[in-house]
């Protein structure tokens, strides 16, 4: 949704009002019920510096979206264009229709109501990539993920993401998850035993003892779950800085980065959680932890070097100049092969 909103703001040259982030939920009407003490500023999660390279953003502070709309909608002070979802239609808006509908509108605010931004637009692939490149977690997330992974898993591990159906019935993909034997077959074929049998599993915390996972130890895999990751005191302290009801959501974001750092990764093909892990792995420069570098990576360091080999050379040079062993360790992690990513959709 954030990517879609940024795309619209980018194309219409509008300022994007960022709502607070709350616990992960599958429906907009559940999000609207969240209390102010259970949500946080979106800019505590995402990097404002990168967002503002393509659009201007304003963050709602100390107010929920519902309260903001109630206070400002249909008032004499502001003129809103409220857009509602089209029942029964998916992707009804091409870029051309978007521009013809909203470009040049004189309304103070364009409000996409009731989840209408969800899968609304057909975004051209280039512009979708441009927007996604500028949606990044704040640097402290990358720092925490690196420290927690190294502390509890070591430098060499593989990763797996299993997406089970939601218990509340909102996930309609019942029966879509491939059998556990199919995951095992893929893992063996793609070399999960090559360097280690250790596999970090990102999944719902309540699913750790699910019978789905029984076959993996029998086949020689050493599965570890979030309870191992939470042995990191620094990670626990970091999560504790957020509202209690957001704990699992914050842990999930860190888990995405932990999986992104693994030697090999296999995900659930229909899951956006797996999709973002794959994206992080394809865009390795996003994994660079600038806290490792005495001299912060500059625009010239990073963006002038679009291929990973050039970036690695820069990192090695910085590491040699400042004697930072951690920088060279980071390069080693960045420069791993990921053969399991390409056919991920099978599972």
C-alpha atoms as a PDB file:
ATOM      1  CA  UNK A   1       0.000   0.000   0.000  1.00  0.00           C
ATOM      2  CA  UNK A   2       2.810   2.425   0.797  1.00  0.00           C
ATOM      3  CA  UNK A   3       4.388   1.769  -2.597  1.00  0.00           C
ATOM      4  CA  UNK A   4       1.051   2.406  -4.335  1.00  0.00           C
ATOM      5  CA  UNK A   5       0.533   5.619  -2.377  1.00  0.00           C
ATOM      6  CA  UNK A   6       4.053   6.819  -3.180  1.00  0.00           C
ATOM      7  CA  UNK A   7       3.491   6.039  -6.863  1.00  0.00           C
ATOM      8  CA  UNK A   8       0.316   8.149  -6.936  1.00  0.00           C
ATOM      9  CA  UNK A   9       1.990  11.033  -5.093  1.00  0.00           C
ATOM     10  CA  UNK A  10       4.992  10.803  -7.418  1.00  0.00           C
ATOM     11  CA  UNK A  11       2.926  10.888 -10.620  1.00  0.00           C
ATOM     12  CA  UNK A  12       0.600  13.644  -9.402  1.00  0.00           C
ATOM     13  CA  UNK A  13       3.383  15.693  -7.788  1.00  0.00           C
ATOM     14  CA  UNK A  14       1.524  15.628  -4.470  1.00  0.00           C
ATOM     15  CA  UNK A  15       2.698  15.546  -0.866  1.00  0.00           C
ATOM     16  CA  UNK A  16       2.011  12.174   0.751  1.00  0.00           C
ATOM     17  CA  UNK A  17       0.432  12.183   4.225  1.00  0.00           C
ATOM     18  CA  UNK A  18       1.839   9.155   6.048  1.00  0.00           C
ATOM     19  CA  UNK A  19      -0.545   7.442   8.476  1.00  0.00           C
ATOM     20  CA  UNK A  20       0.754   5.728  11.613  1.00  0.00           C
ATOM     21  CA  UNK A  21       1.756   2.062  11.416  1.00  0.00           C
ATOM     22  CA  UNK A  22      -0.045  -0.435  13.607  1.00  0.00           C
ATOM     23  CA  UNK A  23       0.074  -4.180  14.186  1.00  0.00           C
ATOM     24  CA  UNK A  24      -0.076  -6.201  10.968  1.00  0.00           C
ATOM     25  CA  UNK A  25      -3.629  -6.848   9.869  1.00  0.00           C
ATOM     26  CA  UNK A  26      -5.245  -8.075   6.694  1.00  0.00           C
ATOM     27  CA  UNK A  27      -8.067  -5.525   6.462  1.00  0.00           C
ATOM     28  CA  UNK A  28      -8.355  -1.733   6.530  1.00  0.00           C
ATOM     29  CA  UNK A  29     -11.360  -1.749   8.894  1.00  0.00           C
ATOM     30  CA  UNK A  30      -9.305  -3.635  11.503  1.00  0.00           C
ATOM     31  CA  UNK A  31      -6.521  -1.079  11.208  1.00  0.00           C
ATOM     32  CA  UNK A  32      -9.056   1.744  11.725  1.00  0.00           C
ATOM     33  CA  UNK A  33      -9.934   0.299  15.141  1.00  0.00           C
ATOM     34  CA  UNK A  34      -6.388   0.590  16.490  1.00  0.00           C
ATOM     35  CA  UNK A  35      -5.883   2.912  19.459  1.00  0.00           C
ATOM     36  CA  UNK A  36      -3.259   5.642  19.346  1.00  0.00           C
ATOM     37  CA  UNK A  37      -1.096   3.853  21.945  1.00  0.00           C
ATOM     38  CA  UNK A  38      -0.839   0.821  19.645  1.00  0.00           C
ATOM     39  CA  UNK A  39       0.499   2.653  16.566  1.00  0.00           C
ATOM     40  CA  UNK A  40       3.755   4.461  15.762  1.00  0.00           C
ATOM     41  CA  UNK A  41       4.943   7.006  13.272  1.00  0.00           C
ATOM     42  CA  UNK A  42       5.657   5.450   9.890  1.00  0.00           C
ATOM     43  CA  UNK A  43       8.973   7.270   9.912  1.00  0.00           C
ATOM     44  CA  UNK A  44      10.077   5.145  12.869  1.00  0.00           C
ATOM     45  CA  UNK A  45       9.946   2.224  10.452  1.00  0.00           C
ATOM     46  CA  UNK A  46      10.862   3.624   7.033  1.00  0.00           C
ATOM     47  CA  UNK A  47      13.721   5.854   5.965  1.00  0.00           C
ATOM     48  CA  UNK A  48      12.434   9.372   5.295  1.00  0.00           C
ATOM     49  CA  UNK A  49      15.646  10.386   3.528  1.00  0.00           C
ATOM     50  CA  UNK A  50      15.040   7.880   0.744  1.00  0.00           C
ATOM     51  CA  UNK A  51      11.320   8.631   0.454  1.00  0.00           C
ATOM     52  CA  UNK A  52      11.987  12.323  -0.005  1.00  0.00           C
ATOM     53  CA  UNK A  53      14.309  11.726  -2.908  1.00  0.00           C
ATOM     54  CA  UNK A  54      11.198  11.325  -5.068  1.00  0.00           C
ATOM     55  CA  UNK A  55       8.273  12.810  -3.087  1.00  0.00           C
ATOM     56  CA  UNK A  56       7.562  15.090  -0.138  1.00  0.00           C
ATOM     57  CA  UNK A  57       6.044  13.397   2.911  1.00  0.00           C
ATOM     58  CA  UNK A  58       4.221  14.592   6.037  1.00  0.00           C
ATOM     59  CA  UNK A  59       3.739  12.291   9.017  1.00  0.00           C
ATOM     60  CA  UNK A  60       0.557  12.266  11.109  1.00  0.00           C
ATOM     61  CA  UNK A  61       1.673  12.681  14.721  1.00  0.00           C
ATOM     62  CA  UNK A  62      -0.292  11.645  17.819  1.00  0.00           C
ATOM     63  CA  UNK A  63      -3.478  11.051  15.864  1.00  0.00           C
ATOM     64  CA  UNK A  64      -5.020   8.059  14.098  1.00  0.00           C
ATOM     65  CA  UNK A  65      -6.244   8.157  10.507  1.00  0.00           C
ATOM     66  CA  UNK A  66      -9.841   7.866  11.722  1.00  0.00           C
ATOM     67  CA  UNK A  67      -9.421  10.846  14.057  1.00  0.00           C
ATOM     68  CA  UNK A  68      -7.678  12.870  11.336  1.00  0.00           C
ATOM     69  CA  UNK A  69     -10.438  12.211   8.812  1.00  0.00           C
ATOM     70  CA  UNK A  70     -13.196  12.932  11.327  1.00  0.00           C
ATOM     71  CA  UNK A  71     -11.598  16.268  12.206  1.00  0.00           C
ATOM     72  CA  UNK A  72     -10.890  17.425   8.642  1.00  0.00           C
ATOM     73  CA  UNK A  73     -13.250  15.762   6.171  1.00  0.00           C
ATOM     74  CA  UNK A  74     -16.156  17.904   4.980  1.00  0.00           C
ATOM     75  CA  UNK A  75     -14.973  21.039   6.734  1.00  0.00           C
ATOM     76  CA  UNK A  76     -14.861  24.556   5.380  1.00  0.00           C
ATOM     77  CA  UNK A  77     -11.074  24.627   5.815  1.00  0.00           C
ATOM     78  CA  UNK A  78     -10.270  21.849   3.335  1.00  0.00           C
ATOM     79  CA  UNK A  79     -11.686  20.355   0.157  1.00  0.00           C
ATOM     80  CA  UNK A  80     -11.327  16.572  -0.184  1.00  0.00           C
ATOM     81  CA  UNK A  81     -11.680  14.278  -3.184  1.00  0.00           C
ATOM     82  CA  UNK A  82     -12.722  10.942  -1.639  1.00  0.00           C
ATOM     83  CA  UNK A  83     -12.045   7.928  -3.848  1.00  0.00           C
ATOM     84  CA  UNK A  84     -13.873   4.669  -3.060  1.00  0.00           C
ATOM     85  CA  UNK A  85     -12.981   1.173  -4.321  1.00  0.00           C
ATOM     86  CA  UNK A  86     -14.738  -0.208  -7.379  1.00  0.00           C
ATOM     87  CA  UNK A  87     -16.704  -3.307  -6.271  1.00  0.00           C
ATOM     88  CA  UNK A  88     -15.662  -6.520  -7.990  1.00  0.00           C
ATOM     89  CA  UNK A  89     -12.863  -4.953 -10.035  1.00  0.00           C
ATOM     90  CA  UNK A  90      -9.115  -5.488  -9.812  1.00  0.00           C
ATOM     91  CA  UNK A  91      -6.506  -3.201 -11.314  1.00  0.00           C
ATOM     92  CA  UNK A  92      -9.120  -0.900 -12.866  1.00  0.00           C
ATOM     93  CA  UNK A  93      -6.715   2.026 -13.209  1.00  0.00           C
ATOM     94  CA  UNK A  94      -3.958   2.224 -15.761  1.00  0.00           C
ATOM     95  CA  UNK A  95      -1.481   5.081 -15.550  1.00  0.00           C
ATOM     96  CA  UNK A  96      -3.420   6.910 -18.272  1.00  0.00           C
ATOM     97  CA  UNK A  97      -6.678   6.644 -16.318  1.00  0.00           C
ATOM     98  CA  UNK A  98      -4.969   7.726 -13.119  1.00  0.00           C
ATOM     99  CA  UNK A  99      -3.672  10.887 -14.742  1.00  0.00           C
ATOM    100  CA  UNK A 100      -6.948  11.708 -16.466  1.00  0.00           C
ATOM    101  CA  UNK A 101      -8.883  11.194 -13.216  1.00  0.00           C
ATOM    102  CA  UNK A 102      -6.667  13.132 -10.811  1.00  0.00           C
ATOM    103  CA  UNK A 103      -4.167  15.304 -12.690  1.00  0.00           C
ATOM    104  CA  UNK A 104      -4.935  18.965 -12.289  1.00  0.00           C
ATOM    105  CA  UNK A 105      -7.589  18.454  -9.614  1.00  0.00           C
ATOM    106  CA  UNK A 106      -7.977  21.476  -7.355  1.00  0.00           C
ATOM    107  CA  UNK A 107      -8.882  19.470  -4.242  1.00  0.00           C
ATOM    108  CA  UNK A 108      -6.674  20.059  -1.225  1.00  0.00           C
ATOM    109  CA  UNK A 109      -6.614  16.352  -0.367  1.00  0.00           C
ATOM    110  CA  UNK A 110      -7.112  13.188  -2.426  1.00  0.00           C
ATOM    111  CA  UNK A 111      -8.253  10.508   0.012  1.00  0.00           C
ATOM    112  CA  UNK A 112      -8.234   6.853  -1.046  1.00  0.00           C
ATOM    113  CA  UNK A 113     -10.829   5.413   1.281  1.00  0.00           C
ATOM    114  CA  UNK A 114     -11.640   1.871   2.476  1.00  0.00           C
ATOM    115  CA  UNK A 115      -8.596   0.108   1.108  1.00  0.00           C
ATOM    116  CA  UNK A 116      -9.078   1.482  -2.403  1.00  0.00           C
ATOM    117  CA  UNK A 117      -5.302   1.735  -2.989  1.00  0.00           C
ATOM    118  CA  UNK A 118      -4.870  -2.007  -2.557  1.00  0.00           C
ATOM    119  CA  UNK A 119      -4.054  -3.448  -5.993  1.00  0.00           C
ATOM    120  CA  UNK A 120      -5.808  -0.505  -7.625  1.00  0.00           C
ATOM    121  CA  UNK A 121      -3.267   0.570 -10.228  1.00  0.00           C
ATOM    122  CA  UNK A 122      -1.376  -1.123 -12.983  1.00  0.00           C
ATOM    123  CA  UNK A 123       1.999   0.426 -12.296  1.00  0.00           C
ATOM    124  CA  UNK A 124       4.526   0.291 -15.162  1.00  0.00           C
ATOM    125  CA  UNK A 125       7.391  -2.000 -14.147  1.00  0.00           C
ATOM    126  CA  UNK A 126      10.074   0.691 -14.376  1.00  0.00           C
ATOM    127  CA  UNK A 127       8.169   3.115 -12.147  1.00  0.00           C
ATOM    128  CA  UNK A 128       7.223   0.329  -9.740  1.00  0.00           C
ATOM    129  CA  UNK A 129      10.934  -0.457  -9.386  1.00  0.00           C
ATOM    130  CA  UNK A 130      11.752   3.219  -8.926  1.00  0.00           C
ATOM    131  CA  UNK A 131       9.251   3.593  -6.086  1.00  0.00           C
ATOM    132  CA  UNK A 132      10.213   0.308  -4.406  1.00  0.00           C
ATOM    133  CA  UNK A 133      13.867   1.328  -4.439  1.00  0.00           C
ATOM    134  CA  UNK A 134      12.955   4.320  -2.267  1.00  0.00           C
ATOM    135  CA  UNK A 135      10.946   2.340   0.315  1.00  0.00           C
ATOM    136  CA  UNK A 136      13.573   1.232   2.826  1.00  0.00           C
ATOM    137  CA  UNK A 137      13.575   0.292   6.466  1.00  0.00           C
ATOM    138  CA  UNK A 138      15.488   2.641   8.719  1.00  0.00           C
ATOM    139  CA  UNK A 139      19.199   1.837   9.185  1.00  0.00           C
ATOM    140  CA  UNK A 140      18.711   0.605  12.742  1.00  0.00           C
ATOM    141  CA  UNK A 141      16.600  -2.295  11.440  1.00  0.00           C
ATOM    142  CA  UNK A 142      19.479  -3.432   9.239  1.00  0.00           C
ATOM    143  CA  UNK A 143      21.899  -3.008  12.125  1.00  0.00           C
ATOM    144  CA  UNK A 144      19.744  -5.037  14.529  1.00  0.00           C
ATOM    145  CA  UNK A 145      19.143  -7.789  11.943  1.00  0.00           C
ATOM    146  CA  UNK A 146      22.855  -8.143  11.278  1.00  0.00           C
ATOM    147  CA  UNK A 147      23.819  -8.203  14.963  1.00  0.00           C
ATOM    148  CA  UNK A 148      21.044 -10.620  15.971  1.00  0.00           C
ATOM    149  CA  UNK A 149      21.747 -12.982  13.062  1.00  0.00           C
ATOM    150  CA  UNK A 150      25.502 -13.112  13.672  1.00  0.00           C
ATOM    151  CA  UNK A 151      25.027 -13.486  17.432  1.00  0.00           C
ATOM    152  CA  UNK A 152      22.447 -16.300  17.322  1.00  0.00           C
ATOM    153  CA  UNK A 153      22.936 -17.985  13.925  1.00  0.00           C
ATOM    154  CA  UNK A 154      26.498 -17.210  12.938  1.00  0.00           C
ATOM    155  CA  UNK A 155      27.684 -16.069   9.531  1.00  0.00           C
ATOM    156  CA  UNK A 156      26.562 -19.146   7.590  1.00  0.00           C
ATOM    157  CA  UNK A 157      22.918 -20.237   7.584  1.00  0.00           C
ATOM    158  CA  UNK A 158      20.093 -20.780   5.121  1.00  0.00           C
ATOM    159  CA  UNK A 159      16.523 -19.520   5.454  1.00  0.00           C
ATOM    160  CA  UNK A 160      12.981 -20.655   4.788  1.00  0.00           C
ATOM    161  CA  UNK A 161       9.678 -18.792   4.928  1.00  0.00           C
ATOM    162  CA  UNK A 162       6.446 -20.724   5.370  1.00  0.00           C
ATOM    163  CA  UNK A 163       3.184 -18.798   4.981  1.00  0.00           C
ATOM    164  CA  UNK A 164       0.280 -20.570   6.678  1.00  0.00           C
ATOM    165  CA  UNK A 165      -3.366 -19.492   6.130  1.00  0.00           C
ATOM    166  CA  UNK A 166      -4.658 -16.863   8.558  1.00  0.00           C
ATOM    167  CA  UNK A 167      -6.690 -18.233  11.451  1.00  0.00           C
ATOM    168  CA  UNK A 168      -9.329 -15.514  10.996  1.00  0.00           C
ATOM    169  CA  UNK A 169     -10.155 -16.713   7.481  1.00  0.00           C
ATOM    170  CA  UNK A 170      -8.962 -13.569   5.702  1.00  0.00           C
ATOM    171  CA  UNK A 171      -6.380 -15.569   3.716  1.00  0.00           C
ATOM    172  CA  UNK A 172      -8.320 -17.122   0.848  1.00  0.00           C
ATOM    173  CA  UNK A 173      -5.346 -19.155  -0.407  1.00  0.00           C
ATOM    174  CA  UNK A 174      -6.300 -22.370   1.370  1.00  0.00           C
ATOM    175  CA  UNK A 175      -4.550 -25.300  -0.264  1.00  0.00           C
ATOM    176  CA  UNK A 176      -1.993 -23.105  -2.035  1.00  0.00           C
ATOM    177  CA  UNK A 177       0.908 -23.973   0.264  1.00  0.00           C
ATOM    178  CA  UNK A 178       2.973 -26.758  -1.298  1.00  0.00           C
ATOM    179  CA  UNK A 179       3.463 -29.990   0.693  1.00  0.00           C
ATOM    180  CA  UNK A 180       6.413 -30.095   3.053  1.00  0.00           C
ATOM    181  CA  UNK A 181       7.973 -32.850   0.921  1.00  0.00           C
ATOM    182  CA  UNK A 182       8.146 -30.381  -1.987  1.00  0.00           C
ATOM    183  CA  UNK A 183      10.050 -27.871   0.133  1.00  0.00           C
ATOM    184  CA  UNK A 184      12.484 -30.573   1.253  1.00  0.00           C
ATOM    185  CA  UNK A 185      13.031 -31.693  -2.341  1.00  0.00           C
ATOM    186  CA  UNK A 186      13.760 -28.160  -3.479  1.00  0.00           C
ATOM    187  CA  UNK A 187      16.103 -27.499  -0.575  1.00  0.00           C
ATOM    188  CA  UNK A 188      18.123 -30.636  -1.269  1.00  0.00           C
ATOM    189  CA  UNK A 189      18.267 -29.983  -5.026  1.00  0.00           C
ATOM    190  CA  UNK A 190      19.290 -26.347  -4.571  1.00  0.00           C
ATOM    191  CA  UNK A 191      22.184 -27.082  -2.235  1.00  0.00           C
ATOM    192  CA  UNK A 192      20.927 -26.316   1.262  1.00  0.00           C
ATOM    193  CA  UNK A 193      23.444 -28.859   2.605  1.00  0.00           C
ATOM    194  CA  UNK A 194      26.412 -27.391   0.721  1.00  0.00           C
ATOM    195  CA  UNK A 195      27.774 -25.203   3.543  1.00  0.00           C
ATOM    196  CA  UNK A 196      25.480 -25.896   6.490  1.00  0.00           C
ATOM    197  CA  UNK A 197      22.352 -27.746   7.558  1.00  0.00           C
ATOM    198  CA  UNK A 198      21.236 -24.803   9.719  1.00  0.00           C
ATOM    199  CA  UNK A 199      17.961 -23.274   8.457  1.00  0.00           C
ATOM    200  CA  UNK A 200      16.284 -20.227   9.965  1.00  0.00           C
ATOM    201  CA  UNK A 201      12.503 -20.507   9.555  1.00  0.00           C
ATOM    202  CA  UNK A 202      10.426 -17.348   9.399  1.00  0.00           C
ATOM    203  CA  UNK A 203       6.810 -18.186  10.178  1.00  0.00           C
ATOM    204  CA  UNK A 204       4.124 -17.398  12.727  1.00  0.00           C
ATOM    205  CA  UNK A 205       5.505 -17.838  16.227  1.00  0.00           C
ATOM    206  CA  UNK A 206       2.573 -20.084  17.170  1.00  0.00           C
ATOM    207  CA  UNK A 207       3.365 -22.397  14.231  1.00  0.00           C
ATOM    208  CA  UNK A 208       6.816 -23.511  15.411  1.00  0.00           C
ATOM    209  CA  UNK A 209       5.492 -26.883  16.561  1.00  0.00           C
ATOM    210  CA  UNK A 210       3.281 -27.430  13.491  1.00  0.00           C
ATOM    211  CA  UNK A 211       3.429 -30.971  12.080  1.00  0.00           C
ATOM    212  CA  UNK A 212       4.406 -29.387   8.743  1.00  0.00           C
ATOM    213  CA  UNK A 213       7.970 -29.080  10.070  1.00  0.00           C
ATOM    214  CA  UNK A 214       8.346 -32.664  11.377  1.00  0.00           C
ATOM    215  CA  UNK A 215       9.894 -33.951   8.165  1.00  0.00           C
ATOM    216  CA  UNK A 216      12.776 -31.464   8.042  1.00  0.00           C
ATOM    217  CA  UNK A 217      14.839 -32.793  10.996  1.00  0.00           C
ATOM    218  CA  UNK A 218      14.316 -36.337   9.714  1.00  0.00           C
ATOM    219  CA  UNK A 219      15.929 -35.256   6.439  1.00  0.00           C
ATOM    220  CA  UNK A 220      18.920 -33.775   8.251  1.00  0.00           C
ATOM    221  CA  UNK A 221      17.965 -30.095   8.541  1.00  0.00           C
ATOM    222  CA  UNK A 222      18.524 -28.209  11.777  1.00  0.00           C
ATOM    223  CA  UNK A 223      15.551 -25.838  11.973  1.00  0.00           C
ATOM    224  CA  UNK A 224      15.622 -22.789  14.241  1.00  0.00           C
ATOM    225  CA  UNK A 225      12.841 -20.268  14.743  1.00  0.00           C
ATOM    226  CA  UNK A 226      12.332 -16.787  16.145  1.00  0.00           C
ATOM    227  CA  UNK A 227      12.856 -17.964  19.723  1.00  0.00           C
ATOM    228  CA  UNK A 228      16.527 -18.506  18.813  1.00  0.00           C
ATOM    229  CA  UNK A 229      16.753 -15.045  17.240  1.00  0.00           C
ATOM    230  CA  UNK A 230      15.191 -13.511  20.361  1.00  0.00           C
ATOM    231  CA  UNK A 231      18.111 -14.761  22.429  1.00  0.00           C
ATOM    232  CA  UNK A 232      19.718 -11.518  21.261  1.00  0.00           C
ATOM    233  CA  UNK A 233      19.328  -9.007  24.096  1.00  0.00           C
ATOM    234  CA  UNK A 234      19.819  -6.118  21.675  1.00  0.00           C
ATOM    235  CA  UNK A 235      16.941  -7.363  19.512  1.00  0.00           C
ATOM    236  CA  UNK A 236      14.633  -7.785  22.510  1.00  0.00           C
ATOM    237  CA  UNK A 237      15.459  -4.286  23.722  1.00  0.00           C
ATOM    238  CA  UNK A 238      14.847  -2.877  20.242  1.00  0.00           C
ATOM    239  CA  UNK A 239      11.420  -4.517  19.961  1.00  0.00           C
ATOM    240  CA  UNK A 240      10.541  -3.248  23.439  1.00  0.00           C
ATOM    241  CA  UNK A 241      10.804   0.356  22.197  1.00  0.00           C
ATOM    242  CA  UNK A 242       7.623  -0.209  20.156  1.00  0.00           C
ATOM    243  CA  UNK A 243       4.047  -0.740  21.410  1.00  0.00           C
ATOM    244  CA  UNK A 244       3.511  -4.226  22.834  1.00  0.00           C
ATOM    245  CA  UNK A 245       0.876  -5.131  20.245  1.00  0.00           C
ATOM    246  CA  UNK A 246       3.394  -4.374  17.487  1.00  0.00           C
ATOM    247  CA  UNK A 247       6.030  -6.784  18.811  1.00  0.00           C
ATOM    248  CA  UNK A 248       5.359  -9.536  16.294  1.00  0.00           C
ATOM    249  CA  UNK A 249       5.134  -7.013  13.439  1.00  0.00           C
ATOM    250  CA  UNK A 250       8.554  -5.535  14.289  1.00  0.00           C
ATOM    251  CA  UNK A 251      10.017  -9.018  14.711  1.00  0.00           C
ATOM    252  CA  UNK A 252       8.672  -9.905  11.263  1.00  0.00           C
ATOM    253  CA  UNK A 253      10.446  -6.941   9.666  1.00  0.00           C
ATOM    254  CA  UNK A 254      13.718  -7.979  11.293  1.00  0.00           C
ATOM    255  CA  UNK A 255      13.136 -11.573  10.160  1.00  0.00           C
ATOM    256  CA  UNK A 256      12.825 -10.385   6.566  1.00  0.00           C
ATOM    257  CA  UNK A 257      16.296  -8.885   6.792  1.00  0.00           C
ATOM    258  CA  UNK A 258      17.677 -11.958   8.560  1.00  0.00           C
ATOM    259  CA  UNK A 259      16.366 -14.145   5.738  1.00  0.00           C
ATOM    260  CA  UNK A 260      17.781 -11.694   3.227  1.00  0.00           C
ATOM    261  CA  UNK A 261      21.248 -12.241   4.713  1.00  0.00           C
ATOM    262  CA  UNK A 262      21.114 -16.037   4.497  1.00  0.00           C
ATOM    263  CA  UNK A 263      23.283 -18.036   2.111  1.00  0.00           C
ATOM    264  CA  UNK A 264      20.247 -19.561   0.401  1.00  0.00           C
ATOM    265  CA  UNK A 265      16.538 -18.784   0.743  1.00  0.00           C
ATOM    266  CA  UNK A 266      13.339 -20.579  -0.185  1.00  0.00           C
ATOM    267  CA  UNK A 267       9.985 -18.865   0.298  1.00  0.00           C
ATOM    268  CA  UNK A 268       6.264 -19.284  -0.180  1.00  0.00           C
ATOM    269  CA  UNK A 269       5.512 -18.169  -3.706  1.00  0.00           C
ATOM    270  CA  UNK A 270       2.216 -16.367  -3.109  1.00  0.00           C
ATOM    271  CA  UNK A 271       3.452 -14.474  -0.048  1.00  0.00           C
ATOM    272  CA  UNK A 272       4.385 -10.783  -0.157  1.00  0.00           C
ATOM    273  CA  UNK A 273       6.609 -11.471   2.876  1.00  0.00           C
ATOM    274  CA  UNK A 274       8.685 -13.845   0.732  1.00  0.00           C
ATOM    275  CA  UNK A 275       8.520 -11.422  -2.186  1.00  0.00           C
ATOM    276  CA  UNK A 276      10.167  -8.664  -0.150  1.00  0.00           C
ATOM    277  CA  UNK A 277      12.868 -11.012   1.088  1.00  0.00           C
ATOM    278  CA  UNK A 278      13.625 -11.881  -2.506  1.00  0.00           C
ATOM    279  CA  UNK A 279      13.678  -8.189  -3.418  1.00  0.00           C
ATOM    280  CA  UNK A 280      16.172  -7.427  -0.630  1.00  0.00           C
ATOM    281  CA  UNK A 281      18.378 -10.255  -1.874  1.00  0.00           C
ATOM    282  CA  UNK A 282      18.285  -8.940  -5.433  1.00  0.00           C
ATOM    283  CA  UNK A 283      19.061  -5.389  -4.260  1.00  0.00           C
ATOM    284  CA  UNK A 284      22.037  -6.224  -2.062  1.00  0.00           C
ATOM    285  CA  UNK A 285      23.173  -2.647  -1.687  1.00  0.00           C
ATOM    286  CA  UNK A 286      20.131  -2.101   0.542  1.00  0.00           C
ATOM    287  CA  UNK A 287      21.664  -4.545   3.006  1.00  0.00           C
ATOM    288  CA  UNK A 288      24.795  -2.439   3.549  1.00  0.00           C
ATOM    289  CA  UNK A 289      24.901  -1.388   7.188  1.00  0.00           C
ATOM    290  CA  UNK A 290      26.411   2.086   7.212  1.00  0.00           C
ATOM    291  CA  UNK A 291      27.033   1.824  10.965  1.00  0.00           C
ATOM    292  CA  UNK A 292      29.956  -0.455  10.073  1.00  0.00           C
ATOM    293  CA  UNK A 293      31.729   2.252   8.125  1.00  0.00           C
ATOM    294  CA  UNK A 294      33.712   4.997   9.833  1.00  0.00           C
ATOM    295  CA  UNK A 295      33.057   7.269   6.879  1.00  0.00           C
ATOM    296  CA  UNK A 296      29.346   6.983   5.949  1.00  0.00           C
ATOM    297  CA  UNK A 297      28.606   5.765   2.444  1.00  0.00           C
ATOM    298  CA  UNK A 298      27.956   8.792   0.283  1.00  0.00           C
ATOM    299  CA  UNK A 299      25.850   9.328  -2.811  1.00  0.00           C
ATOM    300  CA  UNK A 300      28.985   8.756  -4.885  1.00  0.00           C
ATOM    301  CA  UNK A 301      29.879   5.607  -2.990  1.00  0.00           C
ATOM    302  CA  UNK A 302      26.541   3.908  -3.531  1.00  0.00           C
ATOM    303  CA  UNK A 303      24.470   5.266  -6.356  1.00  0.00           C
ATOM    304  CA  UNK A 304      27.295   5.706  -8.860  1.00  0.00           C
ATOM    305  CA  UNK A 305      27.963   1.972  -8.516  1.00  0.00           C
ATOM    306  CA  UNK A 306      24.875   0.157  -9.722  1.00  0.00           C
ATOM    307  CA  UNK A 307      26.367  -3.335 -10.000  1.00  0.00           C
ATOM    308  CA  UNK A 308      27.317  -5.321  -6.916  1.00  0.00           C
ATOM    309  CA  UNK A 309      30.926  -5.960  -8.010  1.00  0.00           C
ATOM    310  CA  UNK A 310      31.605  -2.221  -8.124  1.00  0.00           C
ATOM    311  CA  UNK A 311      29.930  -1.736  -4.731  1.00  0.00           C
ATOM    312  CA  UNK A 312      32.029  -4.528  -3.223  1.00  0.00           C
ATOM    313  CA  UNK A 313      35.204  -2.839  -4.473  1.00  0.00           C
ATOM    314  CA  UNK A 314      34.137   0.400  -2.781  1.00  0.00           C
ATOM    315  CA  UNK A 315      33.363  -1.388   0.484  1.00  0.00           C
ATOM    316  CA  UNK A 316      36.672  -3.233   0.450  1.00  0.00           C
ATOM    317  CA  UNK A 317      38.498   0.033  -0.189  1.00  0.00           C
ATOM    318  CA  UNK A 318      36.713   1.690   2.744  1.00  0.00           C
ATOM    319  CA  UNK A 319      37.417  -1.317   4.956  1.00  0.00           C
ATOM    320  CA  UNK A 320      41.102  -1.281   4.089  1.00  0.00           C
ATOM    321  CA  UNK A 321      41.388   2.460   4.633  1.00  0.00           C
ATOM    322  CA  UNK A 322      39.797   2.342   8.069  1.00  0.00           C
ATOM    323  CA  UNK A 323      40.898  -1.136   9.125  1.00  0.00           C
ATOM    324  CA  UNK A 324      37.306  -2.271   9.599  1.00  0.00           C
ATOM    325  CA  UNK A 325      37.096  -6.064   9.573  1.00  0.00           C
ATOM    326  CA  UNK A 326      33.312  -5.824   9.870  1.00  0.00           C
ATOM    327  CA  UNK A 327      33.111  -4.074   6.499  1.00  0.00           C
ATOM    328  CA  UNK A 328      34.945  -6.959   4.849  1.00  0.00           C
ATOM    329  CA  UNK A 329      32.682  -9.438   6.631  1.00  0.00           C
ATOM    330  CA  UNK A 330      29.733  -7.517   5.249  1.00  0.00           C
ATOM    331  CA  UNK A 331      31.150  -7.811   1.736  1.00  0.00           C
ATOM    332  CA  UNK A 332      31.422 -11.564   2.128  1.00  0.00           C
ATOM    333  CA  UNK A 333      27.769 -11.812   3.108  1.00  0.00           C
ATOM    334  CA  UNK A 334      26.727  -9.542   0.252  1.00  0.00           C
ATOM    335  CA  UNK A 335      28.533 -11.622  -2.328  1.00  0.00           C
ATOM    336  CA  UNK A 336      26.695 -14.962  -1.979  1.00  0.00           C
ATOM    337  CA  UNK A 337      24.839 -16.908  -4.646  1.00  0.00           C
ATOM    338  CA  UNK A 338      21.087 -17.385  -4.340  1.00  0.00           C
ATOM    339  CA  UNK A 339      20.004 -20.128  -6.781  1.00  0.00           C
ATOM    340  CA  UNK A 340      16.839 -20.845  -4.815  1.00  0.00           C
ATOM    341  CA  UNK A 341      15.405 -17.410  -5.471  1.00  0.00           C
ATOM    342  CA  UNK A 342      14.747 -17.820  -9.175  1.00  0.00           C
ATOM    343  CA  UNK A 343      12.116 -20.601  -9.133  1.00  0.00           C
ATOM    344  CA  UNK A 344      10.677 -19.522  -5.774  1.00  0.00           C
ATOM    345  CA  UNK A 345       7.105 -19.462  -7.089  1.00  0.00           C
ATOM    346  CA  UNK A 346       6.981 -23.269  -7.284  1.00  0.00           C
ATOM    347  CA  UNK A 347       6.434 -23.416  -3.534  1.00  0.00           C
END
